[in-house]
Amino acid sequence: MFLEIVTPEAVLFSSKVDSFSVPGIDGEFQMLNNHAAVVSVLKEGTVKIHMNTLEHLKMDVMNKYLEAHIVDDKILTLAIKSGTIELKDNKAIILAD
């Protein structure tokens, strides 16, 4: 699936991913490939992006926003204050603050 994370200032992330989890208003939830369509509000928390490999990413551009997970370096994390997510046809867009 394809994930794009956008703020009013910049596109923070744009790449194919294996899965990701987001901080929903009723708790964290995960999106997998071929997930049903979703539109949801997000609260303050961490977006966790699960990737098979990080080789194709330009991490120098994303370093100030994304961090490797403490336990697994194939999981990237991004702290958000709030946002919305839309997932449809294996393309997800997170509008984050």
N, C-alpha and C. Protein backbone atom coordinates (compact mmCIF):
# COMPACT_ATOMS: atom_id res chain seq x y z
N MET A 1 0.84 -1.16 0.00
CA MET A 1 0.00 0.00 0.00
C MET A 1 0.89 1.24 0.00
N PHE A 2 0.32 2.36 -0.37
CA PHE A 2 1.06 3.61 -0.47
C PHE A 2 0.59 4.55 0.64
N LEU A 3 1.56 5.17 1.32
CA LEU A 3 1.25 6.09 2.41
C LEU A 3 1.91 7.43 2.15
N GLU A 4 1.12 8.48 2.36
CA GLU A 4 1.63 9.84 2.26
C GLU A 4 1.22 10.58 3.54
N ILE A 5 2.20 11.25 4.16
CA ILE A 5 1.93 12.05 5.34
C ILE A 5 2.24 13.50 5.00
N VAL A 6 1.22 14.35 5.16
CA VAL A 6 1.32 15.74 4.73
C VAL A 6 0.98 16.67 5.90
N THR A 7 1.73 17.76 6.00
CA THR A 7 1.41 18.84 6.94
C THR A 7 1.17 20.10 6.12
N PRO A 8 0.71 21.17 6.74
CA PRO A 8 0.55 22.43 5.99
C PRO A 8 1.88 22.94 5.42
N GLU A 9 2.99 22.55 6.03
CA GLU A 9 4.29 23.04 5.59
C GLU A 9 4.96 22.17 4.53
N ALA A 10 4.76 20.83 4.59
CA ALA A 10 5.54 19.95 3.71
C ALA A 10 4.95 18.55 3.64
N VAL A 11 5.41 17.80 2.65
CA VAL A 11 5.14 16.37 2.60
C VAL A 11 6.24 15.70 3.42
N LEU A 12 5.86 15.05 4.52
CA LEU A 12 6.85 14.46 5.42
C LEU A 12 7.25 13.05 5.01
N PHE A 13 6.34 12.34 4.36
CA PHE A 13 6.61 10.95 3.99
C PHE A 13 5.76 10.59 2.79
N SER A 14 6.35 9.86 1.86
CA SER A 14 5.63 9.41 0.67
C SER A 14 6.32 8.17 0.14
N SER A 15 5.72 6.99 0.38
CA SER A 15 6.37 5.75 -0.03
C SER A 15 5.41 4.57 0.09
N LYS A 16 5.78 3.49 -0.54
CA LYS A 16 5.08 2.22 -0.37
C LYS A 16 5.47 1.66 0.99
N VAL A 17 4.49 1.11 1.73
CA VAL A 17 4.72 0.57 3.06
C VAL A 17 4.05 -0.80 3.19
N ASP A 18 4.49 -1.58 4.19
CA ASP A 18 3.85 -2.87 4.46
C ASP A 18 2.57 -2.68 5.27
N SER A 19 2.65 -1.84 6.29
CA SER A 19 1.49 -1.51 7.12
C SER A 19 1.84 -0.28 7.95
N PHE A 20 0.85 0.25 8.65
CA PHE A 20 1.12 1.37 9.55
C PHE A 20 0.02 1.43 10.59
N SER A 21 0.34 2.05 11.72
CA SER A 21 -0.66 2.25 12.77
C SER A 21 -0.71 3.72 13.12
N VAL A 22 -1.89 4.15 13.55
CA VAL A 22 -2.13 5.57 13.84
C VAL A 22 -2.86 5.69 15.17
N PRO A 23 -2.72 6.86 15.84
CA PRO A 23 -3.42 7.08 17.11
C PRO A 23 -4.84 7.63 16.89
N GLY A 24 -5.79 6.75 16.82
CA GLY A 24 -7.18 7.17 16.65
C GLY A 24 -7.75 7.73 17.94
N ILE A 25 -8.88 8.39 17.84
CA ILE A 25 -9.46 9.00 19.04
C ILE A 25 -9.95 7.95 20.04
N ASP A 26 -10.21 6.73 19.59
CA ASP A 26 -10.60 5.64 20.49
C ASP A 26 -9.47 4.64 20.71
N GLY A 27 -8.26 4.99 20.33
CA GLY A 27 -7.11 4.10 20.50
C GLY A 27 -6.37 3.87 19.20
N GLU A 28 -5.21 3.26 19.32
CA GLU A 28 -4.37 2.99 18.15
C GLU A 28 -5.01 1.92 17.28
N PHE A 29 -4.94 2.11 15.95
CA PHE A 29 -5.39 1.07 15.03
C PHE A 29 -4.43 0.95 13.87
N GLN A 30 -4.41 -0.25 13.28
CA GLN A 30 -3.44 -0.58 12.24
C GLN A 30 -4.14 -0.77 10.90
N MET A 31 -3.45 -0.36 9.84
CA MET A 31 -3.92 -0.54 8.48
C MET A 31 -3.00 -1.53 7.77
N LEU A 32 -3.59 -2.52 7.16
CA LEU A 32 -2.85 -3.52 6.38
C LEU A 32 -3.24 -3.39 4.92
N ASN A 33 -2.51 -4.07 4.06
CA ASN A 33 -2.81 -4.07 2.64
C ASN A 33 -4.25 -4.56 2.41
N ASN A 34 -4.96 -3.95 1.49
CA ASN A 34 -6.34 -4.28 1.14
C ASN A 34 -7.33 -4.03 2.27
N HIS A 35 -7.01 -3.11 3.16
CA HIS A 35 -7.90 -2.73 4.26
C HIS A 35 -9.14 -2.04 3.69
N ALA A 36 -10.25 -2.17 4.37
CA ALA A 36 -11.47 -1.48 3.97
C ALA A 36 -11.24 0.04 4.01
N ALA A 37 -12.01 0.76 3.23
CA ALA A 37 -11.88 2.22 3.20
C ALA A 37 -12.16 2.80 4.59
N VAL A 38 -11.37 3.82 4.95
CA VAL A 38 -11.47 4.43 6.28
C VAL A 38 -11.28 5.93 6.16
N VAL A 39 -12.06 6.68 6.93
CA VAL A 39 -11.82 8.10 7.17
C VAL A 39 -11.95 8.27 8.68
N SER A 40 -10.92 8.84 9.32
CA SER A 40 -10.95 8.94 10.78
C SER A 40 -10.18 10.17 11.25
N VAL A 41 -10.54 10.62 12.44
CA VAL A 41 -9.83 11.70 13.12
C VAL A 41 -8.73 11.09 13.96
N LEU A 42 -7.57 11.75 14.01
CA LEU A 42 -6.44 11.27 14.79
C LEU A 42 -6.18 12.21 15.96
N LYS A 43 -5.66 11.65 17.04
CA LYS A 43 -5.30 12.46 18.20
C LYS A 43 -3.78 12.48 18.35
N GLU A 44 -3.31 13.19 19.35
CA GLU A 44 -1.87 13.26 19.60
C GLU A 44 -1.33 11.87 19.89
N GLY A 45 -0.21 11.55 19.26
CA GLY A 45 0.41 10.24 19.45
C GLY A 45 1.45 9.98 18.39
N THR A 46 1.69 8.71 18.12
CA THR A 46 2.75 8.31 17.21
C THR A 46 2.20 7.49 16.05
N VAL A 47 2.59 7.87 14.84
CA VAL A 47 2.32 7.07 13.65
C VAL A 47 3.49 6.10 13.52
N LYS A 48 3.21 4.81 13.39
CA LYS A 48 4.25 3.78 13.24
C LYS A 48 4.14 3.19 11.85
N ILE A 49 5.22 3.31 11.09
CA ILE A 49 5.24 2.86 9.70
C ILE A 49 6.12 1.62 9.59
N HIS A 50 5.51 0.50 9.19
CA HIS A 50 6.23 -0.76 9.07
C HIS A 50 6.67 -0.94 7.61
N MET A 51 7.98 -1.10 7.43
CA MET A 51 8.52 -1.23 6.08
C MET A 51 9.39 -2.48 5.98
N ASN A 52 9.39 -3.07 4.80
CA ASN A 52 10.24 -4.24 4.57
C ASN A 52 11.70 -3.83 4.45
N THR A 53 11.94 -2.70 3.82
CA THR A 53 13.30 -2.18 3.68
C THR A 53 13.25 -0.65 3.67
N LEU A 54 14.32 -0.05 4.13
CA LEU A 54 14.41 1.41 4.14
C LEU A 54 15.38 1.93 3.09
N GLU A 55 15.95 1.03 2.30
CA GLU A 55 17.00 1.40 1.36
C GLU A 55 16.58 2.44 0.34
N HIS A 56 15.34 2.42 -0.11
CA HIS A 56 14.90 3.33 -1.16
C HIS A 56 14.52 4.72 -0.65
N LEU A 57 14.49 4.90 0.67
CA LEU A 57 14.09 6.19 1.22
C LEU A 57 15.27 7.14 1.31
N LYS A 58 14.99 8.41 1.11
CA LYS A 58 16.00 9.45 1.27
C LYS A 58 15.91 9.94 2.71
N MET A 59 16.55 9.21 3.61
CA MET A 59 16.40 9.49 5.03
C MET A 59 17.00 10.83 5.44
N ASP A 60 17.95 11.35 4.69
CA ASP A 60 18.53 12.64 5.05
C ASP A 60 17.47 13.74 4.99
N VAL A 61 16.52 13.61 4.09
CA VAL A 61 15.44 14.59 3.97
C VAL A 61 14.43 14.42 5.10
N MET A 62 14.17 13.18 5.51
CA MET A 62 13.14 12.89 6.49
C MET A 62 13.65 12.82 7.93
N ASN A 63 14.95 12.87 8.15
CA ASN A 63 15.51 12.66 9.48
C ASN A 63 14.95 13.58 10.55
N LYS A 64 14.65 14.82 10.21
CA LYS A 64 14.15 15.72 11.25
C LYS A 64 12.71 15.43 11.64
N TYR A 65 12.02 14.59 10.88
CA TYR A 65 10.64 14.24 11.20
C TYR A 65 10.49 12.79 11.67
N LEU A 66 11.13 11.86 10.98
CA LEU A 66 10.96 10.44 11.26
C LEU A 66 12.13 9.89 12.06
N GLU A 67 11.81 8.93 12.93
CA GLU A 67 12.84 8.26 13.71
C GLU A 67 12.67 6.76 13.57
N ALA A 68 13.77 6.02 13.64
CA ALA A 68 13.69 4.56 13.66
C ALA A 68 13.18 4.12 15.03
N HIS A 69 12.35 3.10 15.05
CA HIS A 69 11.81 2.56 16.30
C HIS A 69 12.95 2.00 17.14
N ILE A 70 12.82 2.07 18.45
CA ILE A 70 13.87 1.61 19.37
C ILE A 70 14.15 0.12 19.20
N VAL A 71 13.10 -0.69 19.03
CA VAL A 71 13.25 -2.14 18.97
C VAL A 71 13.52 -2.66 17.57
N ASP A 72 12.90 -2.07 16.56
CA ASP A 72 12.98 -2.58 15.19
C ASP A 72 13.29 -1.42 14.24
N ASP A 73 14.43 -1.47 13.57
CA ASP A 73 14.81 -0.37 12.69
C ASP A 73 14.05 -0.35 11.37
N LYS A 74 13.18 -1.32 11.13
CA LYS A 74 12.32 -1.29 9.94
C LYS A 74 10.97 -0.66 10.24
N ILE A 75 10.85 -0.10 11.43
CA ILE A 75 9.65 0.65 11.81
C ILE A 75 10.07 2.10 12.01
N LEU A 76 9.43 2.99 11.27
CA LEU A 76 9.66 4.42 11.43
C LEU A 76 8.55 5.01 12.26
N THR A 77 8.87 5.99 13.08
CA THR A 77 7.86 6.63 13.91
C THR A 77 7.83 8.13 13.63
N LEU A 78 6.65 8.69 13.77
CA LEU A 78 6.44 10.11 13.58
C LEU A 78 5.43 10.59 14.63
N ALA A 79 5.82 11.56 15.45
CA ALA A 79 4.93 12.12 16.45
C ALA A 79 4.03 13.16 15.79
N ILE A 80 2.72 13.07 16.09
CA ILE A 80 1.77 14.06 15.58
C ILE A 80 0.97 14.63 16.74
N LYS A 81 0.43 15.82 16.55
CA LYS A 81 -0.43 16.45 17.56
C LYS A 81 -1.89 16.14 17.30
N SER A 82 -2.26 16.06 16.01
CA SER A 82 -3.62 15.72 15.61
C SER A 82 -3.62 15.50 14.11
N GLY A 83 -4.77 15.12 13.57
CA GLY A 83 -4.84 14.95 12.12
C GLY A 83 -6.06 14.18 11.69
N THR A 84 -6.06 13.84 10.41
CA THR A 84 -7.10 12.99 9.83
C THR A 84 -6.43 12.01 8.89
N ILE A 85 -7.09 10.89 8.68
CA ILE A 85 -6.58 9.89 7.75
C ILE A 85 -7.69 9.47 6.81
N GLU A 86 -7.31 9.26 5.57
CA GLU A 86 -8.22 8.69 4.57
C GLU A 86 -7.48 7.55 3.90
N LEU A 87 -8.10 6.38 3.86
CA LEU A 87 -7.53 5.21 3.19
C LEU A 87 -8.57 4.68 2.22
N LYS A 88 -8.16 4.53 0.98
CA LYS A 88 -9.05 4.00 -0.05
C LYS A 88 -8.20 3.37 -1.14
N ASP A 89 -8.55 2.18 -1.57
CA ASP A 89 -7.87 1.49 -2.66
C ASP A 89 -6.36 1.41 -2.44
N ASN A 90 -5.95 1.04 -1.21
CA ASN A 90 -4.54 0.86 -0.85
C ASN A 90 -3.71 2.14 -0.97
N LYS A 91 -4.34 3.31 -0.88
CA LYS A 91 -3.62 4.57 -0.80
C LYS A 91 -4.14 5.32 0.42
N ALA A 92 -3.21 5.65 1.32
CA ALA A 92 -3.57 6.37 2.54
C ALA A 92 -2.92 7.74 2.55
N ILE A 93 -3.69 8.71 3.00
CA ILE A 93 -3.18 10.08 3.17
C ILE A 93 -3.48 10.50 4.59
N ILE A 94 -2.42 10.88 5.29
CA ILE A 94 -2.56 11.42 6.64
C ILE A 94 -2.29 12.92 6.56
N LEU A 95 -3.26 13.72 6.98
CA LEU A 95 -3.09 15.16 7.09
C LEU A 95 -2.81 15.42 8.56
N ALA A 96 -1.58 15.80 8.88
CA ALA A 96 -1.15 15.89 10.28
C ALA A 96 -0.74 17.30 10.67
N ASP A 97 -0.84 17.54 11.97
CA ASP A 97 -0.32 18.76 12.58
C ASP A 97 0.86 18.41 13.44
